[in-house]
Amino acid sequence: MPSGKDRRAEINSLAASVLGSEDAAKDWMRQPAIGLDRQIPAKLVRTIAGTRLVEEYLMQIEHGVYV
């Protein structure tokens, strides 16, 4: 199981890829996200379950599928 630091690094990389830059990803990670019930992604990735929610939401953004 990846450590918390590894999980955050993976999510930050995915966010940068989806959102177009590391700066955009950093900004996005610090703001409440509508698709995450206005929770802050950076706080969610402190847990495995939260990391999965953020990852799923980023994949939805990438594919243009919002639930």
N, C-alpha and C. Protein backbone atom coordinates (compact mmCIF):
# COMPACT_ATOMS: atom_id res chain seq x y z
N MET A 1 0.85 -1.17 0.00
CA MET A 1 0.00 0.00 0.00
C MET A 1 0.90 1.24 0.00
N PRO A 2 0.65 2.18 -0.91
CA PRO A 2 1.50 3.37 -0.98
C PRO A 2 1.35 4.24 0.26
N SER A 3 2.42 4.91 0.62
CA SER A 3 2.36 5.82 1.77
C SER A 3 1.53 7.04 1.42
N GLY A 4 1.18 7.82 2.44
CA GLY A 4 0.41 9.03 2.21
C GLY A 4 1.12 9.99 1.27
N LYS A 5 2.42 10.10 1.42
CA LYS A 5 3.21 10.99 0.55
C LYS A 5 3.16 10.51 -0.90
N ASP A 6 3.26 9.19 -1.10
CA ASP A 6 3.19 8.63 -2.45
C ASP A 6 1.80 8.85 -3.07
N ARG A 7 0.75 8.66 -2.25
CA ARG A 7 -0.62 8.87 -2.75
C ARG A 7 -0.79 10.33 -3.20
N ARG A 8 -0.33 11.25 -2.37
CA ARG A 8 -0.46 12.67 -2.72
C ARG A 8 0.31 12.99 -3.99
N ALA A 9 1.50 12.43 -4.14
CA ALA A 9 2.30 12.67 -5.34
C ALA A 9 1.59 12.15 -6.58
N GLU A 10 0.99 10.97 -6.47
CA GLU A 10 0.25 10.39 -7.61
C GLU A 10 -0.96 11.25 -7.98
N ILE A 11 -1.70 11.71 -6.97
CA ILE A 11 -2.87 12.54 -7.23
C ILE A 11 -2.45 13.89 -7.80
N ASN A 12 -1.37 14.47 -7.28
CA ASN A 12 -0.89 15.75 -7.81
C ASN A 12 -0.49 15.61 -9.28
N SER A 13 0.15 14.51 -9.61
CA SER A 13 0.54 14.25 -10.99
C SER A 13 -0.68 14.09 -11.89
N LEU A 14 -1.66 13.33 -11.42
CA LEU A 14 -2.89 13.14 -12.18
C LEU A 14 -3.61 14.48 -12.37
N ALA A 15 -3.70 15.27 -11.31
CA ALA A 15 -4.38 16.56 -11.39
C ALA A 15 -3.67 17.48 -12.39
N ALA A 16 -2.34 17.49 -12.37
CA ALA A 16 -1.59 18.32 -13.32
C ALA A 16 -1.86 17.88 -14.75
N SER A 17 -1.93 16.58 -14.96
CA SER A 17 -2.21 16.05 -16.30
C SER A 17 -3.61 16.44 -16.77
N VAL A 18 -4.58 16.28 -15.89
CA VAL A 18 -5.98 16.55 -16.23
C VAL A 18 -6.23 18.05 -16.40
N LEU A 19 -5.63 18.85 -15.52
CA LEU A 19 -5.92 20.29 -15.50
C LEU A 19 -4.95 21.12 -16.32
N GLY A 20 -3.89 20.50 -16.83
CA GLY A 20 -3.02 21.18 -17.78
C GLY A 20 -1.72 21.74 -17.24
N SER A 21 -1.57 21.84 -15.93
CA SER A 21 -0.30 22.33 -15.38
C SER A 21 -0.23 22.04 -13.88
N GLU A 22 1.00 22.08 -13.37
CA GLU A 22 1.18 21.87 -11.94
C GLU A 22 0.56 23.02 -11.15
N ASP A 23 0.66 24.24 -11.66
CA ASP A 23 0.07 25.39 -10.97
C ASP A 23 -1.44 25.26 -10.88
N ALA A 24 -2.07 24.86 -11.98
CA ALA A 24 -3.53 24.67 -11.97
C ALA A 24 -3.91 23.57 -10.99
N ALA A 25 -3.12 22.51 -10.95
CA ALA A 25 -3.40 21.39 -10.04
C ALA A 25 -3.28 21.85 -8.59
N LYS A 26 -2.24 22.62 -8.27
CA LYS A 26 -2.05 23.10 -6.90
C LYS A 26 -3.22 23.98 -6.48
N ASP A 27 -3.64 24.87 -7.37
CA ASP A 27 -4.79 25.73 -7.06
C ASP A 27 -6.05 24.90 -6.85
N TRP A 28 -6.29 23.94 -7.73
CA TRP A 28 -7.49 23.10 -7.65
C TRP A 28 -7.50 22.29 -6.36
N MET A 29 -6.34 21.77 -5.97
CA MET A 29 -6.26 20.93 -4.77
C MET A 29 -6.59 21.71 -3.50
N ARG A 30 -6.44 23.03 -3.53
CA ARG A 30 -6.66 23.86 -2.34
C ARG A 30 -8.04 24.46 -2.25
N GLN A 31 -8.87 24.29 -3.26
CA GLN A 31 -10.19 24.91 -3.31
C GLN A 31 -11.29 23.86 -3.11
N PRO A 32 -12.40 24.23 -2.48
CA PRO A 32 -13.53 23.30 -2.39
C PRO A 32 -13.99 22.90 -3.80
N ALA A 33 -14.23 21.63 -3.98
CA ALA A 33 -14.64 21.11 -5.30
C ALA A 33 -16.13 20.74 -5.25
N ILE A 34 -16.88 21.28 -6.18
CA ILE A 34 -18.32 21.03 -6.22
C ILE A 34 -18.61 19.54 -6.30
N GLY A 35 -17.88 18.83 -7.15
CA GLY A 35 -18.11 17.40 -7.33
C GLY A 35 -17.67 16.54 -6.16
N LEU A 36 -17.04 17.17 -5.19
CA LEU A 36 -16.63 16.45 -3.98
C LEU A 36 -17.38 17.01 -2.77
N ASP A 37 -18.61 17.41 -3.01
CA ASP A 37 -19.45 18.00 -1.96
C ASP A 37 -18.77 19.18 -1.27
N ARG A 38 -18.09 19.97 -2.09
CA ARG A 38 -17.39 21.19 -1.64
C ARG A 38 -16.30 20.91 -0.61
N GLN A 39 -15.80 19.69 -0.65
CA GLN A 39 -14.65 19.35 0.20
C GLN A 39 -13.37 19.75 -0.53
N ILE A 40 -12.31 19.97 0.22
CA ILE A 40 -11.04 20.37 -0.36
C ILE A 40 -10.23 19.12 -0.70
N PRO A 41 -9.88 18.94 -1.98
CA PRO A 41 -9.16 17.73 -2.39
C PRO A 41 -7.90 17.45 -1.57
N ALA A 42 -7.12 18.48 -1.24
CA ALA A 42 -5.88 18.27 -0.49
C ALA A 42 -6.15 17.66 0.88
N LYS A 43 -7.29 17.97 1.46
CA LYS A 43 -7.65 17.37 2.75
C LYS A 43 -8.15 15.94 2.57
N LEU A 44 -8.87 15.69 1.48
CA LEU A 44 -9.39 14.35 1.24
C LEU A 44 -8.28 13.33 1.02
N VAL A 45 -7.20 13.73 0.36
CA VAL A 45 -6.15 12.76 0.04
C VAL A 45 -5.32 12.35 1.26
N ARG A 46 -5.72 12.79 2.42
CA ARG A 46 -5.06 12.34 3.65
C ARG A 46 -5.45 10.91 4.00
N THR A 47 -6.54 10.42 3.39
CA THR A 47 -6.98 9.04 3.63
C THR A 47 -7.05 8.30 2.30
N ILE A 48 -7.01 7.00 2.39
CA ILE A 48 -7.11 6.18 1.18
C ILE A 48 -8.47 6.37 0.53
N ALA A 49 -9.53 6.36 1.32
CA ALA A 49 -10.88 6.54 0.77
C ALA A 49 -11.02 7.90 0.11
N GLY A 50 -10.49 8.93 0.74
CA GLY A 50 -10.55 10.27 0.16
C GLY A 50 -9.76 10.37 -1.12
N THR A 51 -8.61 9.70 -1.15
CA THR A 51 -7.78 9.69 -2.36
C THR A 51 -8.55 9.07 -3.51
N ARG A 52 -9.27 8.00 -3.23
CA ARG A 52 -10.06 7.35 -4.28
C ARG A 52 -11.14 8.29 -4.81
N LEU A 53 -11.79 9.04 -3.92
CA LEU A 53 -12.81 10.00 -4.36
C LEU A 53 -12.22 11.07 -5.27
N VAL A 54 -11.07 11.61 -4.87
CA VAL A 54 -10.42 12.65 -5.68
C VAL A 54 -9.99 12.07 -7.03
N GLU A 55 -9.43 10.88 -7.02
CA GLU A 55 -9.00 10.24 -8.27
C GLU A 55 -10.19 10.02 -9.20
N GLU A 56 -11.29 9.51 -8.66
CA GLU A 56 -12.49 9.28 -9.48
C GLU A 56 -13.01 10.59 -10.06
N TYR A 57 -13.01 11.64 -9.25
CA TYR A 57 -13.50 12.93 -9.73
C TYR A 57 -12.60 13.49 -10.83
N LEU A 58 -11.29 13.36 -10.66
CA LEU A 58 -10.37 13.82 -11.70
C LEU A 58 -10.59 13.04 -13.01
N MET A 59 -10.85 11.75 -12.88
CA MET A 59 -11.11 10.95 -14.09
C MET A 59 -12.41 11.40 -14.76
N GLN A 60 -13.40 11.76 -13.97
CA GLN A 60 -14.64 12.29 -14.54
C GLN A 60 -14.38 13.59 -15.27
N ILE A 61 -13.59 14.46 -14.68
CA ILE A 61 -13.24 15.72 -15.33
C ILE A 61 -12.52 15.44 -16.65
N GLU A 62 -11.55 14.54 -16.59
CA GLU A 62 -10.75 14.22 -17.78
C GLU A 62 -11.63 13.72 -18.93
N HIS A 63 -12.64 12.94 -18.60
CA HIS A 63 -13.49 12.33 -19.63
C HIS A 63 -14.78 13.11 -19.88
N GLY A 64 -14.95 14.24 -19.17
CA GLY A 64 -16.12 15.06 -19.38
C GLY A 64 -17.40 14.44 -18.86
N VAL A 65 -17.28 13.57 -17.85
CA VAL A 65 -18.44 12.90 -17.27
C VAL A 65 -18.61 13.38 -15.84
N TYR A 66 -19.64 14.18 -15.62
CA TYR A 66 -19.89 14.68 -14.29
C TYR A 66 -21.15 14.02 -13.75
N VAL A 67 -21.06 13.53 -12.54
CA VAL A 67 -22.19 12.83 -11.93
C VAL A 67 -22.78 13.70 -10.84
